[in-house]
Amino acid sequence: MSAIFINARFTAPWCYQSPSADAAAPILEPGAERVVIFHLITEGECYVEMANQPPVHLIAGDAVIFPHGDAHLMNSAPGLPSAKGARLDEVLQRRPRQLSYGGGGATTRLVCGYLACDAKLAGMLMAGLPPIVRVNVRGSNAGVWLEASVRYALTEARSPRPGGAGVLAKLSEVLFIEVLRLYMNEQAEGRTGWLAGVGDRIVGAALNALHNTPAHAWTLDELARTAGTSRSVLAERFQHLVGSSPMQYLTKWRMLLAANLLCRGQLSLAHIAADVGYQTDTAFSRAFRREFGLPPAAWRKGQTASAQIQ
């Protein structure tokens, strides 16, 4: 994962157009499979407008995430045309990365964040979420350190010290996850998706077991006993919340872990296969090809070539 923070100051009237994640990804992080966009309002108020959605009013302390990467407008009042200011690629070249304009009225400050991540992992994590996720971090125990972390991130973005990019990525990842946790805690029953599954007593226990020991030769019976329920209840509840069977989920999780191992080093295919629960590299290669469209050796070669080009 990698991350970018932009410090923005606007004065009313103002309107800023944020492109879709697909359009922004090549500018923000060339080669990134997925970019997640989020904003934290640190002062004042504003609105978010999206296609086919009513305007959302934001106040200081509000954090918003766009799980599916939709294009949107941030403005001081609904209906304002977007300004013809600096393009995103121009803003990214600035040190520090700052954006400031408007009509001289009430001030709104916000931090725009962009988190580049694995597309399959992001799809799994954010399945079932609405187009916009909004929470106010100032009402939570984590609010103080969340905003302090953002200020620290902005300082690091200006720093020439080595390791700054890694610090930003980790901070962005923690902020992103904490906002999702706050959001799920506020939601009523009935929501589905991976995050809803994590919060469920039965499905959460099963997910925890699969994540902790993915190489184990799990059966539905054993997983149900671990989760403290029957196999029929687990299968039905897992399918309803997560959108797949427990065994299908385990295969996808193993393939994500395998892809990470393939990218990180030169471990042999046999070693990686054993690490993610396959007794032979042939069975592992077959499962990997079904998930990624290429055998693991060819997929790793392609990832290495892409990294060298960047």
C-alpha atoms as a PDB file:
ATOM      1  CA  MET A   1       0.000   0.000   0.000  1.00  0.00           C
ATOM      2  CA  SER A   2       1.012   3.610  -0.508  1.00  0.00           C
ATOM      3  CA  ALA A   3      -0.648   6.909   0.408  1.00  0.00           C
ATOM      4  CA  ILE A   4      -0.841  10.588  -0.543  1.00  0.00           C
ATOM      5  CA  PHE A   5      -2.184  13.447   1.582  1.00  0.00           C
ATOM      6  CA  ILE A   6      -3.200  16.878   0.263  1.00  0.00           C
ATOM      7  CA  ASN A   7      -3.821  19.771   2.660  1.00  0.00           C
ATOM      8  CA  ALA A   8      -6.711  21.919   1.361  1.00  0.00           C
ATOM      9  CA  ARG A   9      -8.030  25.326   2.469  1.00  0.00           C
ATOM     10  CA  PHE A  10     -11.127  26.767   0.774  1.00  0.00           C
ATOM     11  CA  THR A  11     -13.114  29.976   1.357  1.00  0.00           C
ATOM     12  CA  ALA A  12     -16.775  30.292   0.390  1.00  0.00           C
ATOM     13  CA  PRO A  13     -18.029  30.124  -2.219  1.00  0.00           C
ATOM     14  CA  TRP A  14     -15.977  27.194  -3.513  1.00  0.00           C
ATOM     15  CA  CYS A  15     -16.384  23.862  -5.287  1.00  0.00           C
ATOM     16  CA  TYR A  16     -13.740  21.193  -5.847  1.00  0.00           C
ATOM     17  CA  GLN A  17     -14.252  18.276  -8.231  1.00  0.00           C
ATOM     18  CA  SER A  18     -12.670  14.987  -7.203  1.00  0.00           C
ATOM     19  CA  PRO A  19     -12.280  12.558 -10.126  1.00  0.00           C
ATOM     20  CA  SER A  20     -13.255   8.907  -9.936  1.00  0.00           C
ATOM     21  CA  ALA A  21     -10.683   6.573  -8.449  1.00  0.00           C
ATOM     22  CA  ASP A  22     -10.181   4.894 -11.839  1.00  0.00           C
ATOM     23  CA  ALA A  23      -9.312   8.244 -13.429  1.00  0.00           C
ATOM     24  CA  ALA A  24      -7.120   9.348 -10.516  1.00  0.00           C
ATOM     25  CA  ALA A  25      -5.179   6.102 -10.060  1.00  0.00           C
ATOM     26  CA  PRO A  26      -2.738   6.546 -12.998  1.00  0.00           C
ATOM     27  CA  ILE A  27      -1.905  10.054 -11.713  1.00  0.00           C
ATOM     28  CA  LEU A  28      -1.700   9.216  -8.017  1.00  0.00           C
ATOM     29  CA  GLU A  29       0.048   5.866  -8.191  1.00  0.00           C
ATOM     30  CA  PRO A  30       1.047   4.553 -11.638  1.00  0.00           C
ATOM     31  CA  GLY A  31       0.447   0.829 -11.727  1.00  0.00           C
ATOM     32  CA  ALA A  32      -1.913   0.842  -8.729  1.00  0.00           C
ATOM     33  CA  GLU A  33      -4.749  -1.650  -9.018  1.00  0.00           C
ATOM     34  CA  ARG A  34      -7.121   0.377  -6.852  1.00  0.00           C
ATOM     35  CA  VAL A  35      -7.192   3.810  -5.219  1.00  0.00           C
ATOM     36  CA  VAL A  36      -9.465   4.623  -2.269  1.00  0.00           C
ATOM     37  CA  ILE A  37     -10.350   8.291  -1.753  1.00  0.00           C
ATOM     38  CA  PHE A  38     -11.104   9.790   1.660  1.00  0.00           C
ATOM     39  CA  HIS A  39     -11.427  13.251   3.228  1.00  0.00           C
ATOM     40  CA  LEU A  40     -11.217  14.552   6.796  1.00  0.00           C
ATOM     41  CA  ILE A  41     -12.838  17.920   7.581  1.00  0.00           C
ATOM     42  CA  THR A  42     -10.648  19.691  10.151  1.00  0.00           C
ATOM     43  CA  GLU A  43     -12.353  23.122  10.197  1.00  0.00           C
ATOM     44  CA  GLY A  44     -15.652  24.604   9.014  1.00  0.00           C
ATOM     45  CA  GLU A  45     -18.283  22.766   7.002  1.00  0.00           C
ATOM     46  CA  CYS A  46     -19.050  21.709   3.450  1.00  0.00           C
ATOM     47  CA  TYR A  47     -21.139  19.393   1.286  1.00  0.00           C
ATOM     48  CA  VAL A  48     -20.492  16.311  -0.810  1.00  0.00           C
ATOM     49  CA  GLU A  49     -22.468  15.819  -4.019  1.00  0.00           C
ATOM     50  CA  MET A  50     -22.512  12.601  -6.038  1.00  0.00           C
ATOM     51  CA  ALA A  51     -24.536  11.446  -9.013  1.00  0.00           C
ATOM     52  CA  ASN A  52     -27.951  10.095  -8.013  1.00  0.00           C
ATOM     53  CA  GLN A  53     -27.322  10.860  -4.333  1.00  0.00           C
ATOM     54  CA  PRO A  54     -28.681  13.696  -2.148  1.00  0.00           C
ATOM     55  CA  PRO A  55     -26.058  16.234  -0.909  1.00  0.00           C
ATOM     56  CA  VAL A  56     -24.344  15.191   2.325  1.00  0.00           C
ATOM     57  CA  HIS A  57     -23.586  17.931   4.857  1.00  0.00           C
ATOM     58  CA  LEU A  58     -20.178  17.599   6.543  1.00  0.00           C
ATOM     59  CA  ILE A  59     -18.873  19.371   9.651  1.00  0.00           C
ATOM     60  CA  ALA A  60     -15.486  19.556  11.369  1.00  0.00           C
ATOM     61  CA  GLY A  61     -14.440  16.106  12.539  1.00  0.00           C
ATOM     62  CA  ASP A  62     -16.311  14.287   9.779  1.00  0.00           C
ATOM     63  CA  ALA A  63     -14.366  11.703   7.801  1.00  0.00           C
ATOM     64  CA  VAL A  64     -15.749  10.384   4.517  1.00  0.00           C
ATOM     65  CA  ILE A  65     -14.638   7.435   2.403  1.00  0.00           C
ATOM     66  CA  PHE A  66     -15.762   6.607  -1.127  1.00  0.00           C
ATOM     67  CA  PRO A  67     -15.508   2.781  -1.095  1.00  0.00           C
ATOM     68  CA  HIS A  68     -16.283   2.336  -4.786  1.00  0.00           C
ATOM     69  CA  GLY A  69     -14.241   5.265  -6.046  1.00  0.00           C
ATOM     70  CA  ASP A  70     -17.114   7.421  -7.318  1.00  0.00           C
ATOM     71  CA  ALA A  71     -16.413  10.899  -8.693  1.00  0.00           C
ATOM     72  CA  HIS A  72     -17.842  13.632  -6.440  1.00  0.00           C
ATOM     73  CA  LEU A  73     -17.982  17.341  -5.718  1.00  0.00           C
ATOM     74  CA  MET A  74     -16.897  18.973  -2.453  1.00  0.00           C
ATOM     75  CA  ASN A  75     -18.387  22.462  -2.083  1.00  0.00           C
ATOM     76  CA  SER A  76     -19.497  25.203   0.297  1.00  0.00           C
ATOM     77  CA  ALA A  77     -23.123  24.905  -0.908  1.00  0.00           C
ATOM     78  CA  PRO A  78     -24.928  22.422  -3.182  1.00  0.00           C
ATOM     79  CA  GLY A  79     -25.236  23.305  -6.848  1.00  0.00           C
ATOM     80  CA  LEU A  80     -22.060  25.371  -7.272  1.00  0.00           C
ATOM     81  CA  PRO A  81     -20.011  24.806 -10.436  1.00  0.00           C
ATOM     82  CA  SER A  82     -16.562  23.307  -9.938  1.00  0.00           C
ATOM     83  CA  ALA A  83     -13.613  25.684 -10.061  1.00  0.00           C
ATOM     84  CA  LYS A  84     -11.133  25.527 -12.911  1.00  0.00           C
ATOM     85  CA  GLY A  85      -8.179  25.354 -10.537  1.00  0.00           C
ATOM     86  CA  ALA A  86      -4.986  23.361 -10.624  1.00  0.00           C
ATOM     87  CA  ARG A  87      -5.206  19.855 -12.019  1.00  0.00           C
ATOM     88  CA  LEU A  88      -4.537  16.941  -9.700  1.00  0.00           C
ATOM     89  CA  ASP A  89      -1.210  16.142 -11.355  1.00  0.00           C
ATOM     90  CA  GLU A  90      -0.088  19.760 -10.788  1.00  0.00           C
ATOM     91  CA  VAL A  91      -1.068  19.659  -7.114  1.00  0.00           C
ATOM     92  CA  LEU A  92       0.885  16.430  -6.621  1.00  0.00           C
ATOM     93  CA  GLN A  93       4.073  18.098  -7.873  1.00  0.00           C
ATOM     94  CA  ARG A  94       3.942  20.713  -5.110  1.00  0.00           C
ATOM     95  CA  ARG A  95       5.976  20.430  -1.904  1.00  0.00           C
ATOM     96  CA  PRO A  96       4.144  20.601   0.373  1.00  0.00           C
ATOM     97  CA  ARG A  97       1.025  19.378  -1.416  1.00  0.00           C
ATOM     98  CA  GLN A  98      -1.470  22.154  -0.773  1.00  0.00           C
ATOM     99  CA  LEU A  99      -4.632  23.412  -2.423  1.00  0.00           C
ATOM    100  CA  SER A 100      -6.130  26.811  -1.604  1.00  0.00           C
ATOM    101  CA  TYR A 101      -8.736  28.973  -3.336  1.00  0.00           C
ATOM    102  CA  GLY A 102     -12.246  30.402  -3.006  1.00  0.00           C
ATOM    103  CA  GLY A 103     -14.282  33.586  -2.751  1.00  0.00           C
ATOM    104  CA  GLY A 104     -12.938  34.899   0.553  1.00  0.00           C
ATOM    105  CA  GLY A 105     -15.867  33.908   2.780  1.00  0.00           C
ATOM    106  CA  ALA A 106     -16.091  31.280   5.535  1.00  0.00           C
ATOM    107  CA  THR A 107     -13.076  28.970   5.704  1.00  0.00           C
ATOM    108  CA  THR A 108     -13.158  25.208   5.381  1.00  0.00           C
ATOM    109  CA  ARG A 109     -10.056  23.102   5.859  1.00  0.00           C
ATOM    110  CA  LEU A 110      -9.823  19.478   4.931  1.00  0.00           C
ATOM    111  CA  VAL A 111      -7.295  16.778   4.239  1.00  0.00           C
ATOM    112  CA  CYS A 112      -7.695  14.786   1.033  1.00  0.00           C
ATOM    113  CA  GLY A 113      -6.221  11.307   1.227  1.00  0.00           C
ATOM    114  CA  TYR A 114      -5.576   8.704  -1.439  1.00  0.00           C
ATOM    115  CA  LEU A 115      -4.697   5.134  -0.519  1.00  0.00           C
ATOM    116  CA  ALA A 116      -3.403   2.773  -3.216  1.00  0.00           C
ATOM    117  CA  CYS A 117      -4.127  -0.873  -2.470  1.00  0.00           C
ATOM    118  CA  ASP A 118      -4.694  -4.322  -3.944  1.00  0.00           C
ATOM    119  CA  ALA A 119      -7.902  -4.427  -5.986  1.00  0.00           C
ATOM    120  CA  LYS A 120      -9.034  -7.875  -4.835  1.00  0.00           C
ATOM    121  CA  LEU A 121      -8.392  -7.104  -1.170  1.00  0.00           C
ATOM    122  CA  ALA A 122     -10.201  -3.768  -1.454  1.00  0.00           C
ATOM    123  CA  GLY A 123     -13.128  -5.421  -3.205  1.00  0.00           C
ATOM    124  CA  MET A 124     -13.414  -7.986  -0.430  1.00  0.00           C
ATOM    125  CA  LEU A 125     -13.086  -5.417   2.363  1.00  0.00           C
ATOM    126  CA  MET A 126     -15.596  -2.927   0.976  1.00  0.00           C
ATOM    127  CA  ALA A 127     -18.252  -5.246  -0.413  1.00  0.00           C
ATOM    128  CA  GLY A 128     -21.690  -4.223   0.773  1.00  0.00           C
ATOM    129  CA  LEU A 129     -20.712  -0.651   1.656  1.00  0.00           C
ATOM    130  CA  PRO A 130     -22.721   2.313   0.295  1.00  0.00           C
ATOM    131  CA  PRO A 131     -21.205   4.834  -2.193  1.00  0.00           C
ATOM    132  CA  ILE A 132     -20.182   7.126   0.688  1.00  0.00           C
ATOM    133  CA  VAL A 133     -19.217   6.247   4.273  1.00  0.00           C
ATOM    134  CA  ARG A 134     -19.361   9.116   6.790  1.00  0.00           C
ATOM    135  CA  VAL A 135     -18.449   9.202  10.491  1.00  0.00           C
ATOM    136  CA  ASN A 136     -17.515  11.972  12.910  1.00  0.00           C
ATOM    137  CA  VAL A 137     -14.264  11.030  14.589  1.00  0.00           C
ATOM    138  CA  ARG A 138     -14.486  13.719  17.278  1.00  0.00           C
ATOM    139  CA  GLY A 139     -17.216  11.801  19.030  1.00  0.00           C
ATOM    140  CA  SER A 140     -15.051   8.702  19.449  1.00  0.00           C
ATOM    141  CA  ASN A 141     -12.257   7.740  21.815  1.00  0.00           C
ATOM    142  CA  ALA A 142      -9.996   7.452  18.787  1.00  0.00           C
ATOM    143  CA  GLY A 143     -10.849  10.927  17.487  1.00  0.00           C
ATOM    144  CA  VAL A 144      -7.988  12.767  19.169  1.00  0.00           C
ATOM    145  CA  TRP A 145      -5.278  10.470  17.880  1.00  0.00           C
ATOM    146  CA  LEU A 146      -6.905  10.235  14.445  1.00  0.00           C
ATOM    147  CA  GLU A 147      -6.657  13.981  13.896  1.00  0.00           C
ATOM    148  CA  ALA A 148      -3.214  14.095  15.526  1.00  0.00           C
ATOM    149  CA  SER A 149      -2.110  11.342  13.144  1.00  0.00           C
ATOM    150  CA  VAL A 150      -3.308  13.371  10.158  1.00  0.00           C
ATOM    151  CA  ARG A 151      -1.342  16.402  11.330  1.00  0.00           C
ATOM    152  CA  TYR A 152       1.701  14.185  11.740  1.00  0.00           C
ATOM    153  CA  ALA A 153       1.146  12.756   8.269  1.00  0.00           C
ATOM    154  CA  LEU A 154       1.086  16.246   6.779  1.00  0.00           C
ATOM    155  CA  THR A 155       4.350  17.043   8.551  1.00  0.00           C
ATOM    156  CA  GLU A 156       5.901  13.854   7.230  1.00  0.00           C
ATOM    157  CA  ALA A 157       4.723  14.710   3.718  1.00  0.00           C
ATOM    158  CA  ARG A 158       6.916  17.823   3.882  1.00  0.00           C
ATOM    159  CA  SER A 159       9.877  16.002   5.371  1.00  0.00           C
ATOM    160  CA  PRO A 160      12.829  14.832   3.257  1.00  0.00           C
ATOM    161  CA  ARG A 161      13.692  12.157   5.823  1.00  0.00           C
ATOM    162  CA  PRO A 162      14.001   8.600   4.495  1.00  0.00           C
ATOM    163  CA  GLY A 163      11.099   6.271   5.218  1.00  0.00           C
ATOM    164  CA  GLY A 164       8.466   9.011   4.979  1.00  0.00           C
ATOM    165  CA  ALA A 165       6.478   7.210   2.294  1.00  0.00           C
ATOM    166  CA  GLY A 166       6.230   4.099   4.456  1.00  0.00           C
ATOM    167  CA  VAL A 167       5.047   6.143   7.434  1.00  0.00           C
ATOM    168  CA  LEU A 168       2.356   7.805   5.311  1.00  0.00           C
ATOM    169  CA  ALA A 169       1.147   4.473   3.966  1.00  0.00           C
ATOM    170  CA  LYS A 170       0.810   2.952   7.428  1.00  0.00           C
ATOM    171  CA  LEU A 171      -0.915   6.029   8.846  1.00  0.00           C
ATOM    172  CA  SER A 172      -3.336   6.140   5.957  1.00  0.00           C
ATOM    173  CA  GLU A 173      -4.085   2.445   6.354  1.00  0.00           C
ATOM    174  CA  VAL A 174      -4.790   2.829  10.096  1.00  0.00           C
ATOM    175  CA  LEU A 175      -6.983   5.897   9.552  1.00  0.00           C
ATOM    176  CA  PHE A 176      -8.931   4.128   6.842  1.00  0.00           C
ATOM    177  CA  ILE A 177      -9.565   1.036   8.953  1.00  0.00           C
ATOM    178  CA  GLU A 178     -10.526   3.059  12.034  1.00  0.00           C
ATOM    179  CA  VAL A 179     -13.103   5.043  10.060  1.00  0.00           C
ATOM    180  CA  LEU A 180     -14.620   1.802   8.778  1.00  0.00           C
ATOM    181  CA  ARG A 181     -14.708   0.400  12.320  1.00  0.00           C
ATOM    182  CA  LEU A 182     -16.499   3.491  13.606  1.00  0.00           C
ATOM    183  CA  TYR A 183     -18.946   3.296  10.728  1.00  0.00           C
ATOM    184  CA  MET A 184     -19.802  -0.357  11.329  1.00  0.00           C
ATOM    185  CA  ASN A 185     -20.296   0.293  15.058  1.00  0.00           C
ATOM    186  CA  GLU A 186     -22.908   2.916  14.179  1.00  0.00           C
ATOM    187  CA  GLN A 187     -24.851   0.755  11.752  1.00  0.00           C
ATOM    188  CA  ALA A 188     -28.084  -1.043  12.543  1.00  0.00           C
ATOM    189  CA  GLU A 189     -28.644  -4.735  11.904  1.00  0.00           C
ATOM    190  CA  GLY A 190     -29.209  -5.847   8.345  1.00  0.00           C
ATOM    191  CA  ARG A 191     -26.048  -4.687   6.589  1.00  0.00           C
ATOM    192  CA  THR A 192     -24.082  -7.275   4.628  1.00  0.00           C
ATOM    193  CA  GLY A 193     -20.500  -7.516   3.420  1.00  0.00           C
ATOM    194  CA  TRP A 194     -17.115  -8.554   4.782  1.00  0.00           C
ATOM    195  CA  LEU A 195     -17.112  -5.934   7.540  1.00  0.00           C
ATOM    196  CA  ALA A 196     -20.581  -7.017   8.649  1.00  0.00           C
ATOM    197  CA  GLY A 197     -19.287 -10.594   8.758  1.00  0.00           C
ATOM    198  CA  VAL A 198     -16.342  -9.603  10.944  1.00  0.00           C
ATOM    199  CA  GLY A 199     -18.753  -7.996  13.409  1.00  0.00           C
ATOM    200  CA  ASP A 200     -21.047 -11.043  13.565  1.00  0.00           C
ATOM    201  CA  ARG A 201     -20.460 -13.453  16.461  1.00  0.00           C
ATOM    202  CA  ILE A 202     -20.633 -16.619  14.381  1.00  0.00           C
ATOM    203  CA  VAL A 203     -19.197 -15.489  11.044  1.00  0.00           C
ATOM    204  CA  GLY A 204     -16.577 -13.343  12.774  1.00  0.00           C
ATOM    205  CA  ALA A 205     -15.302 -16.371  14.693  1.00  0.00           C
ATOM    206  CA  ALA A 206     -15.067 -18.376  11.469  1.00  0.00           C
ATOM    207  CA  LEU A 207     -13.251 -15.572   9.645  1.00  0.00           C
ATOM    208  CA  ASN A 208     -10.832 -15.204  12.531  1.00  0.00           C
ATOM    209  CA  ALA A 209     -10.027 -18.929  12.399  1.00  0.00           C
ATOM    210  CA  LEU A 210      -9.492 -18.880   8.629  1.00  0.00           C
ATOM    211  CA  HIS A 211      -7.273 -15.796   8.824  1.00  0.00           C
ATOM    212  CA  ASN A 212      -5.184 -17.141  11.709  1.00  0.00           C
ATOM    213  CA  THR A 213      -4.469 -20.543  10.150  1.00  0.00           C
ATOM    214  CA  PRO A 214      -5.188 -20.382   6.404  1.00  0.00           C
ATOM    215  CA  ALA A 215      -2.924 -23.370   5.673  1.00  0.00           C
ATOM    216  CA  HIS A 216      -4.979 -25.679   7.900  1.00  0.00           C
ATOM    217  CA  ALA A 217      -7.039 -28.316   6.067  1.00  0.00           C
ATOM    218  CA  TRP A 218     -10.338 -26.788   7.122  1.00  0.00           C
ATOM    219  CA  THR A 219     -13.653 -28.593   6.676  1.00  0.00           C
ATOM    220  CA  LEU A 220     -17.048 -26.990   7.156  1.00  0.00           C
ATOM    221  CA  ASP A 221     -17.709 -29.282  10.145  1.00  0.00           C
ATOM    222  CA  GLU A 222     -14.516 -28.254  11.933  1.00  0.00           C
ATOM    223  CA  LEU A 223     -15.030 -24.583  11.159  1.00  0.00           C
ATOM    224  CA  ALA A 224     -18.603 -24.748  12.494  1.00  0.00           C
ATOM    225  CA  ARG A 225     -17.361 -26.323  15.744  1.00  0.00           C
ATOM    226  CA  THR A 226     -14.756 -23.578  16.055  1.00  0.00           C
ATOM    227  CA  ALA A 227     -17.469 -20.945  15.583  1.00  0.00           C
ATOM    228  CA  GLY A 228     -19.743 -22.676  18.101  1.00  0.00           C
ATOM    229  CA  THR A 229     -22.599 -23.465  15.743  1.00  0.00           C
ATOM    230  CA  SER A 230     -23.900 -26.058  13.290  1.00  0.00           C
ATOM    231  CA  ARG A 231     -22.556 -26.382   9.765  1.00  0.00           C
ATOM    232  CA  SER A 232     -25.938 -25.416   8.265  1.00  0.00           C
ATOM    233  CA  VAL A 233     -26.212 -22.239  10.353  1.00  0.00           C
ATOM    234  CA  LEU A 234     -22.620 -21.247   9.577  1.00  0.00           C
ATOM    235  CA  ALA A 235     -23.006 -21.924   5.842  1.00  0.00           C
ATOM    236  CA  GLU A 236     -26.249 -19.949   5.604  1.00  0.00           C
ATOM    237  CA  ARG A 237     -25.073 -17.001   7.711  1.00  0.00           C
ATOM    238  CA  PHE A 238     -21.651 -16.847   6.028  1.00  0.00           C
ATOM    239  CA  GLN A 239     -23.232 -16.847   2.566  1.00  0.00           C
ATOM    240  CA  HIS A 240     -25.723 -14.139   3.578  1.00  0.00           C
ATOM    241  CA  LEU A 241     -23.150 -11.761   5.076  1.00  0.00           C
ATOM    242  CA  VAL A 242     -19.968 -12.400   3.104  1.00  0.00           C
ATOM    243  CA  GLY A 243     -21.509 -13.449  -0.213  1.00  0.00           C
ATOM    244  CA  SER A 244     -19.689 -16.762  -0.605  1.00  0.00           C
ATOM    245  CA  SER A 245     -19.371 -20.094   1.151  1.00  0.00           C
ATOM    246  CA  PRO A 246     -16.687 -20.476   3.853  1.00  0.00           C
ATOM    247  CA  MET A 247     -14.613 -22.758   1.630  1.00  0.00           C
ATOM    248  CA  GLN A 248     -14.856 -20.382  -1.348  1.00  0.00           C
ATOM    249  CA  TYR A 249     -13.764 -17.546   0.908  1.00  0.00           C
ATOM    250  CA  LEU A 250     -10.833 -19.610   2.199  1.00  0.00           C
ATOM    251  CA  THR A 251      -9.619 -20.202  -1.356  1.00  0.00           C
ATOM    252  CA  LYS A 252      -9.802 -16.491  -2.182  1.00  0.00           C
ATOM    253  CA  TRP A 253      -7.971 -15.607   1.034  1.00  0.00           C
ATOM    254  CA  ARG A 254      -5.246 -18.146   0.318  1.00  0.00           C
ATOM    255  CA  MET A 255      -4.779 -16.719  -3.171  1.00  0.00           C
ATOM    256  CA  LEU A 256      -4.457 -13.176  -1.809  1.00  0.00           C
ATOM    257  CA  LEU A 257      -1.798 -14.372   0.621  1.00  0.00           C
ATOM    258  CA  ALA A 258      -0.029 -16.240  -2.168  1.00  0.00           C
ATOM    259  CA  ALA A 259      -0.022 -13.158  -4.407  1.00  0.00           C
ATOM    260  CA  ASN A 260       1.532 -11.161  -1.584  1.00  0.00           C
ATOM    261  CA  LEU A 261       4.252 -13.782  -1.095  1.00  0.00           C
ATOM    262  CA  LEU A 262       4.944 -13.894  -4.833  1.00  0.00           C
ATOM    263  CA  CYS A 263       5.439 -10.119  -4.897  1.00  0.00           C
ATOM    264  CA  ARG A 264       7.608  -9.946  -1.789  1.00  0.00           C
ATOM    265  CA  GLY A 265      10.431 -12.285  -2.645  1.00  0.00           C
ATOM    266  CA  GLN A 266      11.789 -15.256  -4.484  1.00  0.00           C
ATOM    267  CA  LEU A 267      10.272 -18.080  -2.461  1.00  0.00           C
ATOM    268  CA  SER A 268       9.759 -21.239  -4.505  1.00  0.00           C
ATOM    269  CA  LEU A 269       6.272 -22.127  -5.675  1.00  0.00           C
ATOM    270  CA  ALA A 270       6.395 -25.281  -3.554  1.00  0.00           C
ATOM    271  CA  HIS A 271       7.207 -23.196  -0.454  1.00  0.00           C
ATOM    272  CA  ILE A 272       4.384 -20.729  -1.141  1.00  0.00           C
ATOM    273  CA  ALA A 273       1.952 -23.541  -1.902  1.00  0.00           C
ATOM    274  CA  ALA A 274       2.680 -25.144   1.472  1.00  0.00           C
ATOM    275  CA  ASP A 275       2.401 -21.787   3.267  1.00  0.00           C
ATOM    276  CA  VAL A 276      -1.138 -21.249   1.976  1.00  0.00           C
ATOM    277  CA  GLY A 277      -2.400 -24.802   2.458  1.00  0.00           C
ATOM    278  CA  TYR A 278      -1.667 -26.778  -0.735  1.00  0.00           C
ATOM    279  CA  GLN A 279       0.194 -30.072  -0.642  1.00  0.00           C
ATOM    280  CA  THR A 280       1.430 -29.803  -4.225  1.00  0.00           C
ATOM    281  CA  ASP A 281       2.461 -26.847  -6.333  1.00  0.00           C
ATOM    282  CA  THR A 282       0.329 -28.299  -9.153  1.00  0.00           C
ATOM    283  CA  ALA A 283      -2.877 -27.923  -7.117  1.00  0.00           C
ATOM    284  CA  PHE A 284      -1.730 -24.492  -6.002  1.00  0.00           C
ATOM    285  CA  SER A 285      -0.985 -23.364  -9.573  1.00  0.00           C
ATOM    286  CA  ARG A 286      -4.389 -24.542 -10.744  1.00  0.00           C
ATOM    287  CA  ALA A 287      -6.191 -22.610  -7.984  1.00  0.00           C
ATOM    288  CA  PHE A 288      -4.056 -19.507  -8.559  1.00  0.00           C
ATOM    289  CA  ARG A 289      -4.746 -19.514 -12.283  1.00  0.00           C
ATOM    290  CA  ARG A 290      -8.504 -19.709 -11.677  1.00  0.00           C
ATOM    291  CA  GLU A 291      -8.292 -16.626  -9.454  1.00  0.00           C
ATOM    292  CA  PHE A 292      -5.780 -14.466 -11.353  1.00  0.00           C
ATOM    293  CA  GLY A 293      -5.957 -15.768 -14.919  1.00  0.00           C
ATOM    294  CA  LEU A 294      -2.267 -16.729 -15.027  1.00  0.00           C
ATOM    295  CA  PRO A 295      -0.110 -19.423 -13.415  1.00  0.00           C
ATOM    296  CA  PRO A 296       1.838 -18.072 -10.425  1.00  0.00           C
ATOM    297  CA  ALA A 297       5.256 -18.042 -12.114  1.00  0.00           C
ATOM    298  CA  ALA A 298       3.966 -16.008 -15.071  1.00  0.00           C
ATOM    299  CA  TRP A 299       2.009 -13.703 -12.757  1.00  0.00           C
ATOM    300  CA  ARG A 300       5.111 -13.015 -10.627  1.00  0.00           C
ATOM    301  CA  LYS A 301       7.170 -12.319 -13.756  1.00  0.00           C
ATOM    302  CA  GLY A 302       4.578  -9.779 -14.891  1.00  0.00           C
ATOM    303  CA  GLN A 303       4.522  -8.058 -11.492  1.00  0.00           C
ATOM    304  CA  THR A 304       8.337  -7.833 -11.463  1.00  0.00           C
ATOM    305  CA  ALA A 305       8.381  -6.331 -14.969  1.00  0.00           C
ATOM    306  CA  SER A 306       5.754  -3.723 -13.989  1.00  0.00           C
ATOM    307  CA  ALA A 307       7.736  -2.722 -10.904  1.00  0.00           C
ATOM    308  CA  GLN A 308      10.902  -2.244 -12.969  1.00  0.00           C
ATOM    309  CA  ILE A 309       9.078  -0.007 -15.470  1.00  0.00           C
ATOM    310  CA  GLN A 310       7.771   2.209 -12.642  1.00  0.00           C
END
